[in-house]
PDB file of N, CA and C in Angstrom:
ATOM      1  N   UNK A   1       0.826  -1.191   0.000  1.00  0.00           N
ATOM      2  CA  UNK A   1       0.000   0.000   0.000  1.00  0.00           C
ATOM      3  C   UNK A   1       0.872   1.257   0.000  1.00  0.00           C
ATOM      4  N   UNK A   2       2.020   1.181   0.610  1.00  0.00           N
ATOM      5  CA  UNK A   2       2.907   2.334   0.701  1.00  0.00           C
ATOM      6  C   UNK A   2       3.367   2.775  -0.689  1.00  0.00           C
ATOM      7  N   UNK A   3       3.669   1.811  -1.565  1.00  0.00           N
ATOM      8  CA  UNK A   3       4.100   2.127  -2.928  1.00  0.00           C
ATOM      9  C   UNK A   3       3.001   2.866  -3.676  1.00  0.00           C
ATOM     10  N   UNK A   4       1.765   2.403  -3.566  1.00  0.00           N
ATOM     11  CA  UNK A   4       0.640   3.040  -4.236  1.00  0.00           C
ATOM     12  C   UNK A   4       0.437   4.465  -3.705  1.00  0.00           C
ATOM     13  N   UNK A   5       0.613   4.638  -2.413  1.00  0.00           N
ATOM     14  CA  UNK A   5       0.476   5.965  -1.810  1.00  0.00           C
ATOM     15  C   UNK A   5       1.570   6.906  -2.329  1.00  0.00           C
ATOM     16  N   UNK A   6       2.790   6.384  -2.465  1.00  0.00           N
ATOM     17  CA  UNK A   6       3.890   7.193  -2.991  1.00  0.00           C
ATOM     18  C   UNK A   6       3.626   7.616  -4.428  1.00  0.00           C
ATOM     19  N   UNK A   7       3.093   6.709  -5.223  1.00  0.00           N
ATOM     20  CA  UNK A   7       2.767   7.027  -6.607  1.00  0.00           C
ATOM     21  C   UNK A   7       1.682   8.096  -6.662  1.00  0.00           C
ATOM     22  N   UNK A   8       0.694   7.958  -5.782  1.00  0.00           N
ATOM     23  CA  UNK A   8      -0.377   8.947  -5.738  1.00  0.00           C
ATOM     24  C   UNK A   8       0.176  10.315  -5.330  1.00  0.00           C
ATOM     25  N   UNK A   9       1.116  10.331  -4.387  1.00  0.00           N
ATOM     26  CA  UNK A   9       1.744  11.587  -3.981  1.00  0.00           C
ATOM     27  C   UNK A   9       2.531  12.207  -5.131  1.00  0.00           C
ATOM     28  N   UNK A  10       3.253  11.376  -5.876  1.00  0.00           N
ATOM     29  CA  UNK A  10       3.998  11.871  -7.030  1.00  0.00           C
ATOM     30  C   UNK A  10       3.060  12.451  -8.088  1.00  0.00           C
ATOM     31  N   UNK A  11       1.980  11.750  -8.369  1.00  0.00           N
ATOM     32  CA  UNK A  11       1.007  12.244  -9.350  1.00  0.00           C
ATOM     33  C   UNK A  11       0.427  13.587  -8.918  1.00  0.00           C
ATOM     34  N   UNK A  12       0.092  13.696  -7.652  1.00  0.00           N
ATOM     35  CA  UNK A  12      -0.442  14.953  -7.123  1.00  0.00           C
ATOM     36  C   UNK A  12       0.592  16.065  -7.238  1.00  0.00           C
ATOM     37  N   UNK A  13       1.841  15.752  -6.924  1.00  0.00           N
ATOM     38  CA  UNK A  13       2.905  16.751  -7.021  1.00  0.00           C
ATOM     39  C   UNK A  13       3.107  17.206  -8.464  1.00  0.00           C
ATOM     40  N   UNK A  14       3.042  16.278  -9.412  1.00  0.00           N
ATOM     41  CA  UNK A  14       3.194  16.624 -10.827  1.00  0.00           C
ATOM     42  C   UNK A  14       2.088  17.596 -11.243  1.00  0.00           C
ATOM     43  N   UNK A  15       0.866  17.294 -10.860  1.00  0.00           N
ATOM     44  CA  UNK A  15      -0.261  18.157 -11.219  1.00  0.00           C
ATOM     45  C   UNK A  15      -0.113  19.531 -10.578  1.00  0.00           C
ATOM     46  N   UNK A  16       0.261  19.569  -9.305  1.00  0.00           N
ATOM     47  CA  UNK A  16       0.400  20.853  -8.613  1.00  0.00           C
ATOM     48  C   UNK A  16       1.504  21.703  -9.221  1.00  0.00           C
ATOM     49  N   UNK A  17       2.614  21.082  -9.616  1.00  0.00           N
ATOM     50  CA  UNK A  17       3.695  21.865 -10.212  1.00  0.00           C
ATOM     51  C   UNK A  17       3.313  22.368 -11.596  1.00  0.00           C
ATOM     52  N   UNK A  18       2.484  21.617 -12.312  1.00  0.00           N
ATOM     53  CA  UNK A  18       2.010  22.084 -13.614  1.00  0.00           C
ATOM     54  C   UNK A  18       1.082  23.280 -13.438  1.00  0.00           C
ATOM     55  N   UNK A  19       0.270  23.271 -12.383  1.00  0.00           N
ATOM     56  CA  UNK A  19      -0.632  24.388 -12.115  1.00  0.00           C
ATOM     57  C   UNK A  19       0.152  25.678 -11.934  1.00  0.00           C
ATOM     58  N   UNK A  20       1.319  25.587 -11.313  1.00  0.00           N
ATOM     59  CA  UNK A  20       2.140  26.776 -11.081  1.00  0.00           C
ATOM     60  C   UNK A  20       2.663  27.358 -12.382  1.00  0.00           C
ATOM     61  N   UNK A  21       2.833  26.513 -13.403  1.00  0.00           N
ATOM     62  CA  UNK A  21       3.388  26.952 -14.676  1.00  0.00           C
ATOM     63  C   UNK A  21       2.333  27.546 -15.609  1.00  0.00           C
ATOM     64  N   UNK A  22       1.057  27.377 -15.280  1.00  0.00           N
ATOM     65  CA  UNK A  22      -0.005  27.871 -16.142  1.00  0.00           C
ATOM     66  C   UNK A  22      -0.086  29.387 -16.013  1.00  0.00           C
ATOM     67  N   UNK A  23      -0.059  30.043 -17.153  1.00  0.00           N
ATOM     68  CA  UNK A  23      -0.186  31.494 -17.186  1.00  0.00           C
ATOM     69  C   UNK A  23      -1.672  31.817 -17.101  1.00  0.00           C
ATOM     70  N   UNK A  24      -2.084  32.399 -15.988  1.00  0.00           N
ATOM     71  CA  UNK A  24      -3.504  32.640 -15.755  1.00  0.00           C
ATOM     72  C   UNK A  24      -4.044  33.826 -16.549  1.00  0.00           C
ATOM     73  N   UNK A  25      -3.201  34.475 -17.318  1.00  0.00           N
ATOM     74  CA  UNK A  25      -3.660  35.607 -18.117  1.00  0.00           C
ATOM     75  C   UNK A  25      -4.116  35.148 -19.496  1.00  0.00           C
ATOM     76  N   UNK A  26      -4.646  33.942 -19.579  1.00  0.00           N
ATOM     77  CA  UNK A  26      -5.009  33.379 -20.877  1.00  0.00           C
ATOM     78  C   UNK A  26      -6.053  34.213 -21.607  1.00  0.00           C
ATOM     79  N   UNK A  27      -6.974  34.861 -20.887  1.00  0.00           N
ATOM     80  CA  UNK A  27      -7.984  35.680 -21.556  1.00  0.00           C
ATOM     81  C   UNK A  27      -7.327  36.866 -22.258  1.00  0.00           C
ATOM     82  N   UNK A  28      -6.388  37.501 -21.577  1.00  0.00           N
ATOM     83  CA  UNK A  28      -5.660  38.631 -22.164  1.00  0.00           C
ATOM     84  C   UNK A  28      -4.818  38.166 -23.348  1.00  0.00           C
ATOM     85  N   UNK A  29      -4.135  37.034 -23.189  1.00  0.00           N
ATOM     86  CA  UNK A  29      -3.305  36.505 -24.263  1.00  0.00           C
ATOM     87  C   UNK A  29      -4.157  36.139 -25.473  1.00  0.00           C
ATOM     88  N   UNK A  30      -5.323  35.518 -25.220  1.00  0.00           N
ATOM     89  CA  UNK A  30      -6.226  35.136 -26.309  1.00  0.00           C
ATOM     90  C   UNK A  30      -6.696  36.377 -27.069  1.00  0.00           C
ATOM     91  N   UNK A  31      -7.039  37.414 -26.333  1.00  0.00           N
ATOM     92  CA  UNK A  31      -7.482  38.656 -26.956  1.00  0.00           C
ATOM     93  C   UNK A  31      -6.376  39.253 -27.824  1.00  0.00           C
ATOM     94  N   UNK A  32      -5.151  39.247 -27.319  1.00  0.00           N
ATOM     95  CA  UNK A  32      -4.012  39.786 -28.071  1.00  0.00           C
ATOM     96  C   UNK A  32      -3.767  38.993 -29.352  1.00  0.00           C
ATOM     97  N   UNK A  33      -3.833  37.678 -29.255  1.00  0.00           N
ATOM     98  CA  UNK A  33      -3.596  36.829 -30.430  1.00  0.00           C
ATOM     99  C   UNK A  33      -4.690  37.054 -31.472  1.00  0.00           C
ATOM    100  N   UNK A  34      -5.918  37.181 -31.017  1.00  0.00           N
ATOM    101  CA  UNK A  34      -7.037  37.372 -31.947  1.00  0.00           C
ATOM    102  C   UNK A  34      -6.937  38.682 -32.717  1.00  0.00           C
ATOM    103  N   UNK A  35      -6.177  39.629 -32.214  1.00  0.00           N
ATOM    104  CA  UNK A  35      -6.001  40.917 -32.880  1.00  0.00           C
ATOM    105  C   UNK A  35      -4.850  40.917 -33.889  1.00  0.00           C
ATOM    106  N   UNK A  36      -4.086  39.853 -33.930  1.00  0.00           N
ATOM    107  CA  UNK A  36      -2.918  39.807 -34.818  1.00  0.00           C
ATOM    108  C   UNK A  36      -3.339  39.684 -36.284  1.00  0.00           C
ATOM    109  N   UNK A  37      -2.596  40.340 -37.176  1.00  0.00           N
ATOM    110  CA  UNK A  37      -2.887  40.235 -38.611  1.00  0.00           C
ATOM    111  C   UNK A  37      -2.829  38.788 -39.115  1.00  0.00           C
ATOM    112  N   UNK A  38      -1.992  37.979 -38.516  1.00  0.00           N
ATOM    113  CA  UNK A  38      -1.889  36.577 -38.950  1.00  0.00           C
ATOM    114  C   UNK A  38      -3.225  35.855 -38.773  1.00  0.00           C
ATOM    115  N   UNK A  39      -3.962  36.169 -37.727  1.00  0.00           N
ATOM    116  CA  UNK A  39      -5.255  35.516 -37.529  1.00  0.00           C
ATOM    117  C   UNK A  39      -6.277  36.013 -38.543  1.00  0.00           C
ATOM    118  N   UNK A  40      -6.157  37.267 -38.948  1.00  0.00           N
ATOM    119  CA  UNK A  40      -7.035  37.765 -40.008  1.00  0.00           C
ATOM    120  C   UNK A  40      -6.742  37.005 -41.299  1.00  0.00           C
ATOM    121  N   UNK A  41      -5.465  36.748 -41.560  1.00  0.00           N
ATOM    122  CA  UNK A  41      -5.080  35.982 -42.747  1.00  0.00           C
ATOM    123  C   UNK A  41      -5.634  34.558 -42.672  1.00  0.00           C
ATOM    124  N   UNK A  42      -5.608  33.964 -41.496  1.00  0.00           N
ATOM    125  CA  UNK A  42      -6.163  32.613 -41.328  1.00  0.00           C
ATOM    126  C   UNK A  42      -7.666  32.643 -41.583  1.00  0.00           C
ATOM    127  N   UNK A  43      -8.312  33.695 -41.160  1.00  0.00           N
ATOM    128  CA  UNK A  43      -9.746  33.829 -41.408  1.00  0.00           C
ATOM    129  C   UNK A  43     -10.036  33.847 -42.904  1.00  0.00           C
ATOM    130  N   UNK A  44      -9.214  34.578 -43.665  1.00  0.00           N
ATOM    131  CA  UNK A  44      -9.366  34.586 -45.126  1.00  0.00           C
ATOM    132  C   UNK A  44      -9.100  33.196 -45.701  1.00  0.00           C
ATOM    133  N   UNK A  45      -8.103  32.512 -45.157  1.00  0.00           N
ATOM    134  CA  UNK A  45      -7.779  31.161 -45.633  1.00  0.00           C
ATOM    135  C   UNK A  45      -8.944  30.201 -45.374  1.00  0.00           C
ATOM    136  N   UNK A  46      -9.586  30.344 -44.232  1.00  0.00           N
ATOM    137  CA  UNK A  46     -10.745  29.493 -43.909  1.00  0.00           C
ATOM    138  C   UNK A  46     -11.854  29.734 -44.936  1.00  0.00           C
ATOM    139  N   UNK A  47     -12.137  30.994 -45.202  1.00  0.00           N
ATOM    140  CA  UNK A  47     -13.190  31.323 -46.172  1.00  0.00           C
ATOM    141  C   UNK A  47     -12.836  30.782 -47.559  1.00  0.00           C
ATOM    142  N   UNK A  48     -11.581  30.951 -47.952  1.00  0.00           N
ATOM    143  CA  UNK A  48     -11.132  30.479 -49.268  1.00  0.00           C
ATOM    144  C   UNK A  48     -11.248  28.951 -49.377  1.00  0.00           C
ATOM    145  N   UNK A  49     -10.755  28.239 -48.359  1.00  0.00           N
ATOM    146  CA  UNK A  49     -10.818  26.776 -48.375  1.00  0.00           C
ATOM    147  C   UNK A  49     -12.268  26.300 -48.398  1.00  0.00           C
ATOM    148  N   UNK A  50     -13.108  26.948 -47.611  1.00  0.00           N
ATOM    149  CA  UNK A  50     -14.521  26.595 -47.559  1.00  0.00           C
ATOM    150  C   UNK A  50     -15.171  26.731 -48.941  1.00  0.00           C
ATOM    151  N   UNK A  51     -14.874  27.836 -49.602  1.00  0.00           N
ATOM    152  CA  UNK A  51     -15.461  28.079 -50.929  1.00  0.00           C
ATOM    153  C   UNK A  51     -14.913  27.138 -51.987  1.00  0.00           C
ATOM    154  N   UNK A  52     -13.598  26.971 -52.009  1.00  0.00           N
ATOM    155  CA  UNK A  52     -12.991  26.166 -53.077  1.00  0.00           C
ATOM    156  C   UNK A  52     -13.250  24.678 -52.919  1.00  0.00           C
ATOM    157  N   UNK A  53     -13.376  24.224 -51.675  1.00  0.00           N
ATOM    158  CA  UNK A  53     -13.593  22.795 -51.442  1.00  0.00           C
ATOM    159  C   UNK A  53     -15.064  22.453 -51.208  1.00  0.00           C
ATOM    160  N   UNK A  54     -15.891  23.477 -51.207  1.00  0.00           N
ATOM    161  CA  UNK A  54     -17.338  23.303 -50.981  1.00  0.00           C
ATOM    162  C   UNK A  54     -17.603  22.575 -49.663  1.00  0.00           C
ATOM    163  N   UNK A  55     -16.948  23.083 -48.611  1.00  0.00           N
ATOM    164  CA  UNK A  55     -17.150  22.538 -47.268  1.00  0.00           C
ATOM    165  C   UNK A  55     -17.536  23.686 -46.345  1.00  0.00           C
ATOM    166  N   UNK A  56     -18.043  23.354 -45.173  1.00  0.00           N
ATOM    167  CA  UNK A  56     -18.429  24.404 -44.228  1.00  0.00           C
ATOM    168  C   UNK A  56     -17.187  25.126 -43.711  1.00  0.00           C
ATOM    169  N   UNK A  57     -17.399  26.318 -43.198  1.00  0.00           N
ATOM    170  CA  UNK A  57     -16.291  27.083 -42.621  1.00  0.00           C
ATOM    171  C   UNK A  57     -15.737  26.345 -41.393  1.00  0.00           C
ATOM    172  N   UNK A  58     -16.608  25.674 -40.646  1.00  0.00           N
ATOM    173  CA  UNK A  58     -16.140  24.883 -39.497  1.00  0.00           C
ATOM    174  C   UNK A  58     -15.172  23.798 -39.945  1.00  0.00           C
ATOM    175  N   UNK A  59     -15.556  23.082 -41.001  1.00  0.00           N
ATOM    176  CA  UNK A  59     -14.691  22.012 -41.515  1.00  0.00           C
ATOM    177  C   UNK A  59     -13.387  22.588 -42.054  1.00  0.00           C
ATOM    178  N   UNK A  60     -13.486  23.711 -42.746  1.00  0.00           N
ATOM    179  CA  UNK A  60     -12.281  24.336 -43.295  1.00  0.00           C
ATOM    180  C   UNK A  60     -11.332  24.737 -42.163  1.00  0.00           C
ATOM    181  N   UNK A  61     -11.872  25.323 -41.114  1.00  0.00           N
ATOM    182  CA  UNK A  61     -11.037  25.723 -39.972  1.00  0.00           C
ATOM    183  C   UNK A  61     -10.371  24.502 -39.350  1.00  0.00           C
ATOM    184  N   UNK A  62     -11.127  23.426 -39.204  1.00  0.00           N
ATOM    185  CA  UNK A  62     -10.565  22.208 -38.617  1.00  0.00           C
ATOM    186  C   UNK A  62      -9.464  21.636 -39.493  1.00  0.00           C
ATOM    187  N   UNK A  63      -9.667  21.631 -40.803  1.00  0.00           N
ATOM    188  CA  UNK A  63      -8.651  21.100 -41.711  1.00  0.00           C
ATOM    189  C   UNK A  63      -7.366  21.929 -41.651  1.00  0.00           C
ATOM    190  N   UNK A  64      -7.502  23.233 -41.563  1.00  0.00           N
ATOM    191  CA  UNK A  64      -6.326  24.101 -41.481  1.00  0.00           C
ATOM    192  C   UNK A  64      -5.584  23.848 -40.168  1.00  0.00           C
ATOM    193  N   UNK A  65      -6.312  23.800 -39.067  1.00  0.00           N
ATOM    194  CA  UNK A  65      -5.676  23.555 -37.762  1.00  0.00           C
ATOM    195  C   UNK A  65      -5.000  22.191 -37.748  1.00  0.00           C
ATOM    196  N   UNK A  66      -5.672  21.171 -38.270  1.00  0.00           N
ATOM    197  CA  UNK A  66      -5.086  19.830 -38.295  1.00  0.00           C
ATOM    198  C   UNK A  66      -3.818  19.794 -39.142  1.00  0.00           C
ATOM    199  N   UNK A  67      -3.821  20.482 -40.274  1.00  0.00           N
ATOM    200  CA  UNK A  67      -2.633  20.502 -41.140  1.00  0.00           C
ATOM    201  C   UNK A  67      -1.473  21.203 -40.433  1.00  0.00           C
ATOM    202  N   UNK A  68      -1.746  22.304 -39.772  1.00  0.00           N
ATOM    203  CA  UNK A  68      -0.687  23.029 -39.051  1.00  0.00           C
ATOM    204  C   UNK A  68      -0.170  22.199 -37.881  1.00  0.00           C
ATOM    205  N   UNK A  69      -1.078  21.551 -37.165  1.00  0.00           N
ATOM    206  CA  UNK A  69      -0.635  20.681 -36.055  1.00  0.00           C
ATOM    207  C   UNK A  69       0.227  19.541 -36.568  1.00  0.00           C
ATOM    208  N   UNK A  70      -0.159  18.967 -37.701  1.00  0.00           N
ATOM    209  CA  UNK A  70       0.628  17.864 -38.264  1.00  0.00           C
ATOM    210  C   UNK A  70       2.023  18.342 -38.648  1.00  0.00           C
ATOM    211  N   UNK A  71       2.100  19.523 -39.275  1.00  0.00           N
ATOM    212  CA  UNK A  71       3.412  20.091 -39.593  1.00  0.00           C
ATOM    213  C   UNK A  71       4.247  20.289 -38.330  1.00  0.00           C
ATOM    214  N   UNK A  72       3.613  20.829 -37.300  1.00  0.00           N
ATOM    215  CA  UNK A  72       4.305  21.059 -36.032  1.00  0.00           C
ATOM    216  C   UNK A  72       4.788  19.737 -35.438  1.00  0.00           C
ATOM    217  N   UNK A  73       3.952  18.712 -35.490  1.00  0.00           N
ATOM    218  CA  UNK A  73       4.342  17.396 -34.974  1.00  0.00           C
ATOM    219  C   UNK A  73       5.501  16.805 -35.762  1.00  0.00           C
ATOM    220  N   UNK A  74       5.433  16.920 -37.089  1.00  0.00           N
ATOM    221  CA  UNK A  74       6.508  16.383 -37.926  1.00  0.00           C
ATOM    222  C   UNK A  74       7.825  17.066 -37.589  1.00  0.00           C
ATOM    223  N   UNK A  75       7.813  18.401 -37.519  1.00  0.00           N
ATOM    224  CA  UNK A  75       9.045  19.121 -37.207  1.00  0.00           C
ATOM    225  C   UNK A  75       9.504  18.862 -35.783  1.00  0.00           C
ATOM    226  N   UNK A  76       8.561  18.692 -34.870  1.00  0.00           N
ATOM    227  CA  UNK A  76       8.924  18.329 -33.496  1.00  0.00           C
ATOM    228  C   UNK A  76       9.637  16.987 -33.460  1.00  0.00           C
ATOM    229  N   UNK A  77       9.108  16.008 -34.214  1.00  0.00           N
ATOM    230  CA  UNK A  77       9.743  14.692 -34.295  1.00  0.00           C
ATOM    231  C   UNK A  77      11.129  14.791 -34.927  1.00  0.00           C
ATOM    232  N   UNK A  78      11.227  15.591 -35.986  1.00  0.00           N
ATOM    233  CA  UNK A  78      12.504  15.756 -36.675  1.00  0.00           C
ATOM    234  C   UNK A  78      13.556  16.353 -35.740  1.00  0.00           C
ATOM    235  N   UNK A  79      13.178  17.432 -35.057  1.00  0.00           N
ATOM    236  CA  UNK A  79      14.110  18.082 -34.137  1.00  0.00           C
ATOM    237  C   UNK A  79      14.507  17.118 -33.015  1.00  0.00           C
ATOM    238  N   UNK A  80      13.546  16.352 -32.523  1.00  0.00           N
ATOM    239  CA  UNK A  80      13.833  15.381 -31.467  1.00  0.00           C
ATOM    240  C   UNK A  80      14.824  14.326 -31.953  1.00  0.00           C
ATOM    241  N   UNK A  81      14.608  13.811 -33.169  1.00  0.00           N
ATOM    242  CA  UNK A  81      15.508  12.797 -33.717  1.00  0.00           C
ATOM    243  C   UNK A  81      16.897  13.376 -33.963  1.00  0.00           C
ATOM    244  N   UNK A  82      16.966  14.613 -34.430  1.00  0.00           N
ATOM    245  CA  UNK A  82      18.257  15.267 -34.626  1.00  0.00           C
ATOM    246  C   UNK A  82      18.991  15.375 -33.287  1.00  0.00           C
ATOM    247  N   UNK A  83      18.250  15.783 -32.260  1.00  0.00           N
ATOM    248  CA  UNK A  83      18.847  15.907 -30.929  1.00  0.00           C
ATOM    249  C   UNK A  83      19.311  14.577 -30.385  1.00  0.00           C
ATOM    250  N   UNK A  84      18.502  13.546 -30.590  1.00  0.00           N
ATOM    251  CA  UNK A  84      18.880  12.203 -30.135  1.00  0.00           C
ATOM    252  C   UNK A  84      20.122  11.735 -30.879  1.00  0.00           C
ATOM    253  N   UNK A  85      20.175  11.998 -32.197  1.00  0.00           N
ATOM    254  CA  UNK A  85      21.339  11.611 -32.986  1.00  0.00           C
ATOM    255  C   UNK A  85      22.599  12.298 -32.492  1.00  0.00           C
ATOM    256  N   UNK A  86      22.501  13.586 -32.211  1.00  0.00           N
ATOM    257  CA  UNK A  86      23.662  14.328 -31.706  1.00  0.00           C
ATOM    258  C   UNK A  86      24.065  13.851 -30.324  1.00  0.00           C
ATOM    259  N   UNK A  87      23.077  13.538 -29.495  1.00  0.00           N
ATOM    260  CA  UNK A  87      23.371  13.032 -28.161  1.00  0.00           C
ATOM    261  C   UNK A  87      24.072  11.677 -28.248  1.00  0.00           C
ATOM    262  N   UNK A  88      23.612  10.814 -29.154  1.00  0.00           N
ATOM    263  CA  UNK A  88      24.258   9.513 -29.344  1.00  0.00           C
ATOM    264  C   UNK A  88      25.699   9.695 -29.797  1.00  0.00           C
ATOM    265  N   UNK A  89      25.908  10.614 -30.749  1.00  0.00           N
ATOM    266  CA  UNK A  89      27.270  10.889 -31.223  1.00  0.00           C
ATOM    267  C   UNK A  89      28.149  11.394 -30.086  1.00  0.00           C
ATOM    268  N   UNK A  90      27.599  12.274 -29.265  1.00  0.00           N
ATOM    269  CA  UNK A  90      28.329  12.820 -28.138  1.00  0.00           C
ATOM    270  C   UNK A  90      28.703  11.702 -27.154  1.00  0.00           C
ATOM    271  N   UNK A  91      27.739  10.836 -26.882  1.00  0.00           N
ATOM    272  CA  UNK A  91      27.998   9.742 -25.936  1.00  0.00           C
ATOM    273  C   UNK A  91      29.005   8.739 -26.515  1.00  0.00           C
ATOM    274  N   UNK A  92      28.945   8.492 -27.804  1.00  0.00           N
ATOM    275  CA  UNK A  92      29.929   7.609 -28.446  1.00  0.00           C
ATOM    276  C   UNK A  92      31.328   8.185 -28.301  1.00  0.00           C
ATOM    277  N   UNK A  93      31.423   9.501 -28.495  1.00  0.00           N
ATOM    278  CA  UNK A  93      32.697  10.188 -28.367  1.00  0.00           C
ATOM    279  C   UNK A  93      33.255  10.108 -26.956  1.00  0.00           C
ATOM    280  N   UNK A  94      32.388  10.136 -25.952  1.00  0.00           N
ATOM    281  CA  UNK A  94      32.837  10.075 -24.552  1.00  0.00           C
ATOM    282  C   UNK A  94      33.284   8.672 -24.166  1.00  0.00           C
ATOM    283  N   UNK A  95      32.654   7.659 -24.754  1.00  0.00           N
ATOM    284  CA  UNK A  95      33.037   6.281 -24.383  1.00  0.00           C
ATOM    285  C   UNK A  95      34.338   5.852 -25.020  1.00  0.00           C
ATOM    286  N   UNK A  96      34.791   6.571 -26.050  1.00  0.00           N
ATOM    287  CA  UNK A  96      36.057   6.224 -26.717  1.00  0.00           C
ATOM    288  C   UNK A  96      37.265   6.686 -25.911  1.00  0.00           C
ATOM    289  N   UNK A  97      37.058   7.636 -24.991  1.00  0.00           N
ATOM    290  CA  UNK A  97      38.178   8.169 -24.229  1.00  0.00           C
ATOM    291  C   UNK A  97      38.574   7.259 -23.130  1.00  0.00           C
TER     292      UNK A  97
END
């Protein structure tokens, strides 16, 4: 039972430390982002995709967000693999000494 209690304490600590990192000014940040010219451009892109693909604006917005998230995930994976490769090279270099 002690092990389970320790795990529960760790889980609680992880959640509490994440709460401290949350920027509570999200409403202000959201308002600032919504005013950016880039979001106006995305709005035009949504309308364009909706018209050209004959889909709803909701679907067009979702497709754009999904495509951007996928790009972000791909580049995140790439950067991670590059970092892992460099770390492996670094560790290989240290074991040769």
